[in-house]
């Protein structure tokens, strides 16, 4: 929880200033708006809130294409694989004296899982959902087992697996922002091809579109985005942002273009407001962000039903 960090040594801001206001000072005191405002002015909360907004927005946007392809659990397998990559990077640094950046480990494992999931069923002798289940379980189990052997980084491992982004490093925010902008630009450029290949792949092939290449490009984009955001905010909120905002947006609006905008907005709200909610209610950040995404999805579905009845 946020208040657990108060018992740990106080980290330092990149500029050298101690982060005394990063968490409530006492376990049983309710945080106040003045405390949050003071921390915001010091720049303590700006980076994690902005990171949550950016991650939620781009994952919500990409999630629309994932949901329409009925492959929501693919993102779960990829995010868990990215988490395993981070844990392995920590293990190599501690036991192998190899300076492997955690984001590189996340990217490599995410791309490996994506390449396995992109194989056709006749090549793997298994349907895609079976491969997804295998990747998810294998990555989750391996991450826990390897994490058990690196006690020095136990807090970081738990943050990656379950999401506890109390503080976000400036380099992580910069990377998430760059990937978010780049992914959004690529989606805008290839929008018609993504839609055509997703809704009518046979028709797209008849018109000469490289459907296989488009699908591979989409999943590579998802893998890169998931790996970078998993390193920053954890696997749990990443999976939530990649599924729930898209489901809520598709329930609310009919047109796909509007659904993309709505999903990005719902994801951004879940990521930013979820952090603020975690601060005041003293909940784990990743769980609070995921729970808010759940609540927004339920509200969107209820609102859609009311609108249709009206």
C-alpha atoms as a PDB file:
ATOM      1  CA  UNK A   1       0.000   0.000   0.000  1.00  0.00           C
ATOM      2  CA  UNK A   2       0.981   3.609  -0.263  1.00  0.00           C
ATOM      3  CA  UNK A   3       1.376   3.772   3.484  1.00  0.00           C
ATOM      4  CA  UNK A   4       3.799   0.823   3.455  1.00  0.00           C
ATOM      5  CA  UNK A   5       6.337   2.977   1.651  1.00  0.00           C
ATOM      6  CA  UNK A   6       6.363   5.301   4.659  1.00  0.00           C
ATOM      7  CA  UNK A   7       8.162   2.589   6.626  1.00  0.00           C
ATOM      8  CA  UNK A   8      10.862   2.191   3.965  1.00  0.00           C
ATOM      9  CA  UNK A   9      13.857   4.491   3.568  1.00  0.00           C
ATOM     10  CA  UNK A  10      12.748   7.747   1.976  1.00  0.00           C
ATOM     11  CA  UNK A  11      13.863   7.853  -1.671  1.00  0.00           C
ATOM     12  CA  UNK A  12      15.369  10.883  -3.262  1.00  0.00           C
ATOM     13  CA  UNK A  13      14.057  12.935  -6.146  1.00  0.00           C
ATOM     14  CA  UNK A  14      16.335  12.972  -9.220  1.00  0.00           C
ATOM     15  CA  UNK A  15      17.238  16.515  -8.272  1.00  0.00           C
ATOM     16  CA  UNK A  16      18.432  15.348  -4.855  1.00  0.00           C
ATOM     17  CA  UNK A  17      15.469  16.451  -2.742  1.00  0.00           C
ATOM     18  CA  UNK A  18      14.057  13.902  -0.332  1.00  0.00           C
ATOM     19  CA  UNK A  19      10.523  12.752  -1.038  1.00  0.00           C
ATOM     20  CA  UNK A  20       9.046  13.137   2.445  1.00  0.00           C
ATOM     21  CA  UNK A  21       5.568  13.787   1.052  1.00  0.00           C
ATOM     22  CA  UNK A  22       5.413  10.805  -1.290  1.00  0.00           C
ATOM     23  CA  UNK A  23       3.206   8.948   1.198  1.00  0.00           C
ATOM     24  CA  UNK A  24       1.053   9.898   4.193  1.00  0.00           C
ATOM     25  CA  UNK A  25       3.273  10.449   7.249  1.00  0.00           C
ATOM     26  CA  UNK A  26       1.359   8.103   9.594  1.00  0.00           C
ATOM     27  CA  UNK A  27      -0.391   4.812   8.979  1.00  0.00           C
ATOM     28  CA  UNK A  28      -3.666   5.814  10.610  1.00  0.00           C
ATOM     29  CA  UNK A  29      -3.949   9.402   9.433  1.00  0.00           C
ATOM     30  CA  UNK A  30      -6.189  10.140   6.481  1.00  0.00           C
ATOM     31  CA  UNK A  31      -4.236  11.989   3.763  1.00  0.00           C
ATOM     32  CA  UNK A  32      -5.374  15.523   3.088  1.00  0.00           C
ATOM     33  CA  UNK A  33      -5.662  17.525  -0.091  1.00  0.00           C
ATOM     34  CA  UNK A  34      -2.982  19.897   1.229  1.00  0.00           C
ATOM     35  CA  UNK A  35      -0.523  17.003   1.430  1.00  0.00           C
ATOM     36  CA  UNK A  36      -1.292  15.975  -2.117  1.00  0.00           C
ATOM     37  CA  UNK A  37      -1.038  19.573  -3.340  1.00  0.00           C
ATOM     38  CA  UNK A  38       2.316  20.011  -1.620  1.00  0.00           C
ATOM     39  CA  UNK A  39       3.633  16.825  -3.170  1.00  0.00           C
ATOM     40  CA  UNK A  40       2.292  17.872  -6.562  1.00  0.00           C
ATOM     41  CA  UNK A  41       4.050  21.249  -6.347  1.00  0.00           C
ATOM     42  CA  UNK A  42       7.295  19.489  -5.455  1.00  0.00           C
ATOM     43  CA  UNK A  43       6.915  17.321  -8.557  1.00  0.00           C
ATOM     44  CA  UNK A  44       6.486  14.071  -6.616  1.00  0.00           C
ATOM     45  CA  UNK A  45       3.103  13.049  -7.992  1.00  0.00           C
ATOM     46  CA  UNK A  46       3.166  14.702 -11.401  1.00  0.00           C
ATOM     47  CA  UNK A  47       5.240  12.001 -13.116  1.00  0.00           C
ATOM     48  CA  UNK A  48       3.255   8.949 -11.877  1.00  0.00           C
ATOM     49  CA  UNK A  49      -0.110  10.606 -12.583  1.00  0.00           C
ATOM     50  CA  UNK A  50       0.985  11.648 -16.083  1.00  0.00           C
ATOM     51  CA  UNK A  51       2.461   8.180 -16.675  1.00  0.00           C
ATOM     52  CA  UNK A  52      -0.844   6.580 -15.651  1.00  0.00           C
ATOM     53  CA  UNK A  53      -2.748   8.895 -18.002  1.00  0.00           C
ATOM     54  CA  UNK A  54      -0.476   8.171 -20.964  1.00  0.00           C
ATOM     55  CA  UNK A  55      -0.382   4.423 -20.342  1.00  0.00           C
ATOM     56  CA  UNK A  56      -4.149   4.225 -19.887  1.00  0.00           C
ATOM     57  CA  UNK A  57      -4.815   6.248 -23.021  1.00  0.00           C
ATOM     58  CA  UNK A  58      -2.596   4.308 -25.422  1.00  0.00           C
ATOM     59  CA  UNK A  59      -3.515   0.896 -23.979  1.00  0.00           C
ATOM     60  CA  UNK A  60      -7.199   1.799 -24.211  1.00  0.00           C
ATOM     61  CA  UNK A  61      -6.710   2.832 -27.831  1.00  0.00           C
ATOM     62  CA  UNK A  62      -4.895  -0.374 -28.800  1.00  0.00           C
ATOM     63  CA  UNK A  63      -7.310  -2.398 -26.693  1.00  0.00           C
ATOM     64  CA  UNK A  64     -10.151  -1.638 -29.105  1.00  0.00           C
ATOM     65  CA  UNK A  65      -8.366  -3.555 -31.860  1.00  0.00           C
ATOM     66  CA  UNK A  66      -7.481  -6.349 -29.429  1.00  0.00           C
ATOM     67  CA  UNK A  67     -11.066  -6.696 -28.193  1.00  0.00           C
ATOM     68  CA  UNK A  68     -12.493  -6.681 -31.726  1.00  0.00           C
ATOM     69  CA  UNK A  69     -10.147  -9.539 -32.576  1.00  0.00           C
ATOM     70  CA  UNK A  70     -11.442 -11.469 -29.535  1.00  0.00           C
ATOM     71  CA  UNK A  71      -7.933 -11.814 -28.159  1.00  0.00           C
ATOM     72  CA  UNK A  72      -8.166 -10.001 -24.818  1.00  0.00           C
ATOM     73  CA  UNK A  73      -6.141 -12.590 -22.920  1.00  0.00           C
ATOM     74  CA  UNK A  74      -3.290 -12.230 -25.380  1.00  0.00           C
ATOM     75  CA  UNK A  75      -2.469  -8.938 -23.651  1.00  0.00           C
ATOM     76  CA  UNK A  76      -2.486 -10.724 -20.279  1.00  0.00           C
ATOM     77  CA  UNK A  77       0.042 -13.260 -21.555  1.00  0.00           C
ATOM     78  CA  UNK A  78       2.205 -10.520 -23.067  1.00  0.00           C
ATOM     79  CA  UNK A  79       2.106  -8.372 -19.911  1.00  0.00           C
ATOM     80  CA  UNK A  80       3.047 -11.336 -17.709  1.00  0.00           C
ATOM     81  CA  UNK A  81       5.872 -12.193 -20.102  1.00  0.00           C
ATOM     82  CA  UNK A  82       7.079  -8.592 -19.893  1.00  0.00           C
ATOM     83  CA  UNK A  83       6.975  -8.851 -16.096  1.00  0.00           C
ATOM     84  CA  UNK A  84       9.084 -12.013 -16.296  1.00  0.00           C
ATOM     85  CA  UNK A  85      11.558 -10.125 -18.477  1.00  0.00           C
ATOM     86  CA  UNK A  86      11.927  -7.444 -15.805  1.00  0.00           C
ATOM     87  CA  UNK A  87      12.454 -10.062 -13.081  1.00  0.00           C
ATOM     88  CA  UNK A  88      15.069 -11.862 -15.196  1.00  0.00           C
ATOM     89  CA  UNK A  89      16.874  -8.560 -15.780  1.00  0.00           C
ATOM     90  CA  UNK A  90      17.051  -8.020 -12.003  1.00  0.00           C
ATOM     91  CA  UNK A  91      18.311 -11.581 -11.516  1.00  0.00           C
ATOM     92  CA  UNK A  92      21.052 -11.149 -14.139  1.00  0.00           C
ATOM     93  CA  UNK A  93      22.178  -7.926 -12.485  1.00  0.00           C
ATOM     94  CA  UNK A  94      22.348  -9.518  -9.031  1.00  0.00           C
ATOM     95  CA  UNK A  95      23.634 -13.016  -9.756  1.00  0.00           C
ATOM     96  CA  UNK A  96      25.315 -12.609 -13.139  1.00  0.00           C
ATOM     97  CA  UNK A  97      26.795  -9.112 -12.820  1.00  0.00           C
ATOM     98  CA  UNK A  98      25.221  -8.251 -16.174  1.00  0.00           C
ATOM     99  CA  UNK A  99      23.822  -4.740 -16.480  1.00  0.00           C
ATOM    100  CA  UNK A 100      20.635  -5.594 -18.371  1.00  0.00           C
ATOM    101  CA  UNK A 101      18.092  -2.722 -18.383  1.00  0.00           C
ATOM    102  CA  UNK A 102      14.757  -4.003 -17.021  1.00  0.00           C
ATOM    103  CA  UNK A 103      12.853  -2.419 -19.910  1.00  0.00           C
ATOM    104  CA  UNK A 104      15.048  -4.370 -22.352  1.00  0.00           C
ATOM    105  CA  UNK A 105      14.236  -7.607 -20.539  1.00  0.00           C
ATOM    106  CA  UNK A 106      10.543  -6.751 -20.673  1.00  0.00           C
ATOM    107  CA  UNK A 107      10.726  -5.981 -24.391  1.00  0.00           C
ATOM    108  CA  UNK A 108      12.605  -9.168 -25.294  1.00  0.00           C
ATOM    109  CA  UNK A 109      10.232 -11.468 -23.389  1.00  0.00           C
ATOM    110  CA  UNK A 110       7.161  -9.609 -24.669  1.00  0.00           C
ATOM    111  CA  UNK A 111       8.353  -9.944 -28.264  1.00  0.00           C
ATOM    112  CA  UNK A 112       9.166 -13.619 -27.694  1.00  0.00           C
ATOM    113  CA  UNK A 113       5.649 -14.273 -26.393  1.00  0.00           C
ATOM    114  CA  UNK A 114       4.163 -12.282 -29.262  1.00  0.00           C
ATOM    115  CA  UNK A 115       6.100 -14.268 -31.863  1.00  0.00           C
ATOM    116  CA  UNK A 116       4.867 -17.503 -30.304  1.00  0.00           C
ATOM    117  CA  UNK A 117       1.276 -16.278 -30.229  1.00  0.00           C
ATOM    118  CA  UNK A 118       1.531 -15.049 -33.824  1.00  0.00           C
ATOM    119  CA  UNK A 119       2.298 -18.530 -35.149  1.00  0.00           C
ATOM    120  CA  UNK A 120      -0.541 -20.198 -36.947  1.00  0.00           C
ATOM    121  CA  UNK A 121      -2.289 -23.107 -35.284  1.00  0.00           C
ATOM    122  CA  UNK A 122      -1.082 -25.603 -37.910  1.00  0.00           C
ATOM    123  CA  UNK A 123       2.513 -24.737 -37.069  1.00  0.00           C
ATOM    124  CA  UNK A 124       2.149 -25.166 -33.310  1.00  0.00           C
ATOM    125  CA  UNK A 125      -0.476 -27.970 -33.368  1.00  0.00           C
ATOM    126  CA  UNK A 126      -2.407 -25.963 -30.753  1.00  0.00           C
ATOM    127  CA  UNK A 127      -5.188 -23.405 -30.962  1.00  0.00           C
ATOM    128  CA  UNK A 128      -4.240 -19.834 -30.032  1.00  0.00           C
ATOM    129  CA  UNK A 129      -6.141 -19.870 -26.719  1.00  0.00           C
ATOM    130  CA  UNK A 130      -4.089 -22.865 -25.572  1.00  0.00           C
ATOM    131  CA  UNK A 131      -0.852 -21.096 -26.410  1.00  0.00           C
ATOM    132  CA  UNK A 132      -2.118 -17.999 -24.572  1.00  0.00           C
ATOM    133  CA  UNK A 133      -2.870 -20.075 -21.484  1.00  0.00           C
ATOM    134  CA  UNK A 134       0.546 -21.716 -21.618  1.00  0.00           C
ATOM    135  CA  UNK A 135       2.384 -18.385 -21.961  1.00  0.00           C
ATOM    136  CA  UNK A 136       0.402 -16.757 -19.163  1.00  0.00           C
ATOM    137  CA  UNK A 137       0.861 -19.582 -16.660  1.00  0.00           C
ATOM    138  CA  UNK A 138       4.508 -20.241 -17.543  1.00  0.00           C
ATOM    139  CA  UNK A 139       5.454 -16.555 -17.321  1.00  0.00           C
ATOM    140  CA  UNK A 140       3.553 -16.008 -14.059  1.00  0.00           C
ATOM    141  CA  UNK A 141       5.071 -19.048 -12.376  1.00  0.00           C
ATOM    142  CA  UNK A 142       8.587 -18.282 -13.591  1.00  0.00           C
ATOM    143  CA  UNK A 143       8.349 -14.650 -12.454  1.00  0.00           C
ATOM    144  CA  UNK A 144       7.364 -15.701  -8.933  1.00  0.00           C
ATOM    145  CA  UNK A 145      10.046 -18.416  -8.743  1.00  0.00           C
ATOM    146  CA  UNK A 146      12.844 -16.199 -10.032  1.00  0.00           C
ATOM    147  CA  UNK A 147      11.632 -13.312  -7.887  1.00  0.00           C
ATOM    148  CA  UNK A 148      11.899 -15.527  -4.813  1.00  0.00           C
ATOM    149  CA  UNK A 149      15.657 -15.745  -5.421  1.00  0.00           C
ATOM    150  CA  UNK A 150      16.293 -11.998  -5.579  1.00  0.00           C
ATOM    151  CA  UNK A 151      15.194 -10.753  -2.190  1.00  0.00           C
ATOM    152  CA  UNK A 152      17.082  -7.481  -2.711  1.00  0.00           C
ATOM    153  CA  UNK A 153      14.596  -6.460  -5.399  1.00  0.00           C
ATOM    154  CA  UNK A 154      11.485  -8.052  -3.858  1.00  0.00           C
ATOM    155  CA  UNK A 155       9.653  -4.727  -3.685  1.00  0.00           C
ATOM    156  CA  UNK A 156      10.412  -3.939  -7.339  1.00  0.00           C
ATOM    157  CA  UNK A 157       9.340  -7.430  -8.411  1.00  0.00           C
ATOM    158  CA  UNK A 158       6.019  -7.081  -6.582  1.00  0.00           C
ATOM    159  CA  UNK A 159       5.536  -3.662  -8.166  1.00  0.00           C
ATOM    160  CA  UNK A 160       6.034  -5.087 -11.656  1.00  0.00           C
ATOM    161  CA  UNK A 161       3.763  -8.088 -11.149  1.00  0.00           C
ATOM    162  CA  UNK A 162       0.908  -6.379  -9.341  1.00  0.00           C
ATOM    163  CA  UNK A 163       1.406  -2.681 -10.011  1.00  0.00           C
ATOM    164  CA  UNK A 164       2.633  -0.333  -7.292  1.00  0.00           C
ATOM    165  CA  UNK A 165       3.815   2.723  -9.183  1.00  0.00           C
ATOM    166  CA  UNK A 166       4.003   5.080  -6.201  1.00  0.00           C
ATOM    167  CA  UNK A 167       6.851   6.878  -7.924  1.00  0.00           C
ATOM    168  CA  UNK A 168       7.808   6.808 -11.601  1.00  0.00           C
ATOM    169  CA  UNK A 169      11.314   7.538 -12.792  1.00  0.00           C
ATOM    170  CA  UNK A 170      11.652  10.385 -15.325  1.00  0.00           C
ATOM    171  CA  UNK A 171      13.217   8.030 -17.884  1.00  0.00           C
ATOM    172  CA  UNK A 172      10.233   5.668 -17.590  1.00  0.00           C
ATOM    173  CA  UNK A 173       7.814   8.552 -18.108  1.00  0.00           C
ATOM    174  CA  UNK A 174       9.771   9.727 -21.147  1.00  0.00           C
ATOM    175  CA  UNK A 175       9.774   6.211 -22.606  1.00  0.00           C
ATOM    176  CA  UNK A 176       6.044   5.692 -21.986  1.00  0.00           C
ATOM    177  CA  UNK A 177       5.266   9.075 -23.528  1.00  0.00           C
ATOM    178  CA  UNK A 178       7.405   8.381 -26.601  1.00  0.00           C
ATOM    179  CA  UNK A 179       5.860   4.945 -27.133  1.00  0.00           C
ATOM    180  CA  UNK A 180       2.348   6.325 -26.615  1.00  0.00           C
ATOM    181  CA  UNK A 181       2.821   9.084 -29.184  1.00  0.00           C
ATOM    182  CA  UNK A 182       4.517   6.755 -31.656  1.00  0.00           C
ATOM    183  CA  UNK A 183       1.841   4.072 -31.294  1.00  0.00           C
ATOM    184  CA  UNK A 184      -0.973   6.583 -31.720  1.00  0.00           C
ATOM    185  CA  UNK A 185       0.693   7.948 -34.868  1.00  0.00           C
ATOM    186  CA  UNK A 186       1.109   4.458 -36.348  1.00  0.00           C
ATOM    187  CA  UNK A 187      -2.529   3.615 -35.610  1.00  0.00           C
ATOM    188  CA  UNK A 188      -3.651   6.830 -37.299  1.00  0.00           C
ATOM    189  CA  UNK A 189      -1.556   6.075 -40.405  1.00  0.00           C
ATOM    190  CA  UNK A 190      -2.619   2.420 -40.698  1.00  0.00           C
ATOM    191  CA  UNK A 191      -6.175   2.839 -39.395  1.00  0.00           C
ATOM    192  CA  UNK A 192      -8.017   1.691 -42.526  1.00  0.00           C
ATOM    193  CA  UNK A 193      -5.793  -1.333 -42.976  1.00  0.00           C
ATOM    194  CA  UNK A 194      -6.190  -2.381 -39.338  1.00  0.00           C
ATOM    195  CA  UNK A 195      -9.967  -2.113 -39.569  1.00  0.00           C
ATOM    196  CA  UNK A 196     -10.231  -3.909 -42.911  1.00  0.00           C
ATOM    197  CA  UNK A 197      -7.894  -6.738 -41.866  1.00  0.00           C
ATOM    198  CA  UNK A 198      -9.696  -7.164 -38.564  1.00  0.00           C
ATOM    199  CA  UNK A 199     -13.285  -7.198 -39.828  1.00  0.00           C
ATOM    200  CA  UNK A 200     -12.863  -8.854 -43.212  1.00  0.00           C
ATOM    201  CA  UNK A 201      -9.451 -10.503 -43.642  1.00  0.00           C
ATOM    202  CA  UNK A 202     -10.491 -12.451 -46.739  1.00  0.00           C
ATOM    203  CA  UNK A 203     -11.816  -9.322 -48.411  1.00  0.00           C
ATOM    204  CA  UNK A 204      -8.635  -7.486 -47.471  1.00  0.00           C
ATOM    205  CA  UNK A 205      -6.545 -10.203 -49.127  1.00  0.00           C
ATOM    206  CA  UNK A 206      -8.660  -9.952 -52.267  1.00  0.00           C
ATOM    207  CA  UNK A 207      -7.930  -6.206 -52.362  1.00  0.00           C
ATOM    208  CA  UNK A 208      -4.207  -6.934 -52.089  1.00  0.00           C
ATOM    209  CA  UNK A 209      -3.654  -5.926 -48.472  1.00  0.00           C
ATOM    210  CA  UNK A 210      -0.868  -7.814 -46.625  1.00  0.00           C
ATOM    211  CA  UNK A 211      -3.150  -9.074 -43.854  1.00  0.00           C
ATOM    212  CA  UNK A 212      -0.470 -11.202 -42.195  1.00  0.00           C
ATOM    213  CA  UNK A 213       1.935  -8.270 -42.096  1.00  0.00           C
ATOM    214  CA  UNK A 214      -0.738  -5.938 -40.713  1.00  0.00           C
ATOM    215  CA  UNK A 215      -1.650  -8.399 -37.962  1.00  0.00           C
ATOM    216  CA  UNK A 216       1.993  -8.969 -37.073  1.00  0.00           C
ATOM    217  CA  UNK A 217       2.577  -5.219 -36.962  1.00  0.00           C
ATOM    218  CA  UNK A 218      -0.384  -4.750 -34.637  1.00  0.00           C
ATOM    219  CA  UNK A 219       0.822  -7.392 -32.186  1.00  0.00           C
ATOM    220  CA  UNK A 220       4.364  -6.075 -32.277  1.00  0.00           C
ATOM    221  CA  UNK A 221       2.980  -2.630 -31.465  1.00  0.00           C
ATOM    222  CA  UNK A 222       0.974  -4.126 -28.605  1.00  0.00           C
ATOM    223  CA  UNK A 223       4.047  -5.998 -27.349  1.00  0.00           C
ATOM    224  CA  UNK A 224       6.245  -2.897 -27.333  1.00  0.00           C
ATOM    225  CA  UNK A 225       3.593  -0.793 -25.611  1.00  0.00           C
ATOM    226  CA  UNK A 226       2.821  -3.468 -23.030  1.00  0.00           C
ATOM    227  CA  UNK A 227       6.490  -4.089 -22.220  1.00  0.00           C
ATOM    228  CA  UNK A 228       7.264  -0.402 -21.679  1.00  0.00           C
ATOM    229  CA  UNK A 229       4.145   0.311 -19.623  1.00  0.00           C
ATOM    230  CA  UNK A 230       4.555  -2.875 -17.579  1.00  0.00           C
ATOM    231  CA  UNK A 231       8.005  -1.730 -16.503  1.00  0.00           C
ATOM    232  CA  UNK A 232       6.551   1.612 -15.429  1.00  0.00           C
ATOM    233  CA  UNK A 233       3.237   0.729 -13.728  1.00  0.00           C
ATOM    234  CA  UNK A 234       2.995  -3.074 -13.435  1.00  0.00           C
ATOM    235  CA  UNK A 235       1.293  -5.959 -15.213  1.00  0.00           C
ATOM    236  CA  UNK A 236      -2.085  -5.775 -13.439  1.00  0.00           C
ATOM    237  CA  UNK A 237      -3.088  -2.217 -14.470  1.00  0.00           C
ATOM    238  CA  UNK A 238      -1.617  -2.778 -17.934  1.00  0.00           C
ATOM    239  CA  UNK A 239      -3.935  -5.721 -18.552  1.00  0.00           C
ATOM    240  CA  UNK A 240      -6.870  -3.777 -17.107  1.00  0.00           C
ATOM    241  CA  UNK A 241      -6.203  -0.743 -19.327  1.00  0.00           C
ATOM    242  CA  UNK A 242      -5.814  -2.919 -22.426  1.00  0.00           C
ATOM    243  CA  UNK A 243      -9.250  -4.519 -21.991  1.00  0.00           C
ATOM    244  CA  UNK A 244     -11.777  -2.641 -19.843  1.00  0.00           C
ATOM    245  CA  UNK A 245     -11.705   0.868 -21.419  1.00  0.00           C
ATOM    246  CA  UNK A 246     -12.151  -0.698 -24.862  1.00  0.00           C
ATOM    247  CA  UNK A 247     -15.074  -2.837 -23.686  1.00  0.00           C
ATOM    248  CA  UNK A 248     -16.710   0.181 -22.070  1.00  0.00           C
ATOM    249  CA  UNK A 249     -16.203   2.382 -25.124  1.00  0.00           C
ATOM    250  CA  UNK A 250     -17.591  -0.249 -27.504  1.00  0.00           C
ATOM    251  CA  UNK A 251     -20.649  -0.557 -25.274  1.00  0.00           C
ATOM    252  CA  UNK A 252     -21.242   3.208 -25.323  1.00  0.00           C
ATOM    253  CA  UNK A 253     -20.674   4.173 -28.962  1.00  0.00           C
ATOM    254  CA  UNK A 254     -21.364   2.587 -32.323  1.00  0.00           C
ATOM    255  CA  UNK A 255     -18.752   4.079 -34.633  1.00  0.00           C
ATOM    256  CA  UNK A 256     -15.244   2.657 -34.384  1.00  0.00           C
ATOM    257  CA  UNK A 257     -13.502   6.009 -34.635  1.00  0.00           C
ATOM    258  CA  UNK A 258     -15.518   7.336 -31.713  1.00  0.00           C
ATOM    259  CA  UNK A 259     -14.850   4.138 -29.779  1.00  0.00           C
ATOM    260  CA  UNK A 260     -11.093   4.660 -30.123  1.00  0.00           C
ATOM    261  CA  UNK A 261     -11.358   8.169 -28.706  1.00  0.00           C
ATOM    262  CA  UNK A 262     -13.683   7.052 -25.906  1.00  0.00           C
ATOM    263  CA  UNK A 263     -11.439   4.112 -24.981  1.00  0.00           C
ATOM    264  CA  UNK A 264      -8.381   6.366 -24.806  1.00  0.00           C
ATOM    265  CA  UNK A 265     -10.301   8.810 -22.587  1.00  0.00           C
ATOM    266  CA  UNK A 266     -11.588   6.081 -20.251  1.00  0.00           C
ATOM    267  CA  UNK A 267      -8.110   4.584 -19.991  1.00  0.00           C
ATOM    268  CA  UNK A 268      -6.570   7.960 -19.227  1.00  0.00           C
ATOM    269  CA  UNK A 269      -9.123   8.597 -16.479  1.00  0.00           C
ATOM    270  CA  UNK A 270      -8.492   5.163 -14.975  1.00  0.00           C
ATOM    271  CA  UNK A 271      -4.736   5.707 -14.922  1.00  0.00           C
ATOM    272  CA  UNK A 272      -4.680   9.271 -13.594  1.00  0.00           C
ATOM    273  CA  UNK A 273      -7.654   9.265 -11.244  1.00  0.00           C
ATOM    274  CA  UNK A 274      -6.721   5.764 -10.041  1.00  0.00           C
ATOM    275  CA  UNK A 275      -3.459   7.099  -8.670  1.00  0.00           C
ATOM    276  CA  UNK A 276      -5.226   9.940  -6.845  1.00  0.00           C
ATOM    277  CA  UNK A 277      -7.764   7.459  -5.483  1.00  0.00           C
ATOM    278  CA  UNK A 278      -4.960   5.239  -4.193  1.00  0.00           C
ATOM    279  CA  UNK A 279      -3.362   8.184  -2.422  1.00  0.00           C
ATOM    280  CA  UNK A 280      -6.435   9.282  -0.500  1.00  0.00           C
ATOM    281  CA  UNK A 281      -7.772   5.795   0.263  1.00  0.00           C
ATOM    282  CA  UNK A 282      -4.277   4.384   0.941  1.00  0.00           C
ATOM    283  CA  UNK A 283      -4.675   1.518  -1.507  1.00  0.00           C
ATOM    284  CA  UNK A 284      -2.019  -0.111  -3.716  1.00  0.00           C
ATOM    285  CA  UNK A 285      -1.707   2.035  -6.826  1.00  0.00           C
ATOM    286  CA  UNK A 286      -1.982  -0.680  -9.466  1.00  0.00           C
ATOM    287  CA  UNK A 287      -4.969  -2.325  -7.816  1.00  0.00           C
ATOM    288  CA  UNK A 288      -6.713   1.041  -7.407  1.00  0.00           C
ATOM    289  CA  UNK A 289      -6.171   1.879 -11.077  1.00  0.00           C
ATOM    290  CA  UNK A 290      -7.491  -1.521 -12.160  1.00  0.00           C
ATOM    291  CA  UNK A 291     -10.468  -1.267  -9.793  1.00  0.00           C
ATOM    292  CA  UNK A 292     -11.368   2.174 -11.138  1.00  0.00           C
ATOM    293  CA  UNK A 293     -11.207   0.760 -14.676  1.00  0.00           C
ATOM    294  CA  UNK A 294     -13.644  -1.947 -13.553  1.00  0.00           C
ATOM    295  CA  UNK A 295     -15.992   0.637 -12.043  1.00  0.00           C
ATOM    296  CA  UNK A 296     -15.881   2.788 -15.182  1.00  0.00           C
ATOM    297  CA  UNK A 297     -16.600  -0.243 -17.352  1.00  0.00           C
ATOM    298  CA  UNK A 298     -19.620  -1.215 -15.215  1.00  0.00           C
ATOM    299  CA  UNK A 299     -20.899   2.375 -15.345  1.00  0.00           C
ATOM    300  CA  UNK A 300     -20.414   2.487 -19.126  1.00  0.00           C
ATOM    301  CA  UNK A 301     -22.350  -0.751 -19.654  1.00  0.00           C
ATOM    302  CA  UNK A 302     -25.146   0.408 -17.345  1.00  0.00           C
ATOM    303  CA  UNK A 303     -25.283   3.787 -19.068  1.00  0.00           C
ATOM    304  CA  UNK A 304     -25.393   2.146 -22.494  1.00  0.00           C
ATOM    305  CA  UNK A 305     -28.350  -0.021 -21.480  1.00  0.00           C
ATOM    306  CA  UNK A 306     -30.205   2.982 -20.083  1.00  0.00           C
ATOM    307  CA  UNK A 307     -29.620   4.904 -23.301  1.00  0.00           C
ATOM    308  CA  UNK A 308     -30.883   2.057 -25.435  1.00  0.00           C
ATOM    309  CA  UNK A 309     -33.998   1.674 -23.325  1.00  0.00           C
ATOM    310  CA  UNK A 310     -34.638   5.393 -23.556  1.00  0.00           C
END
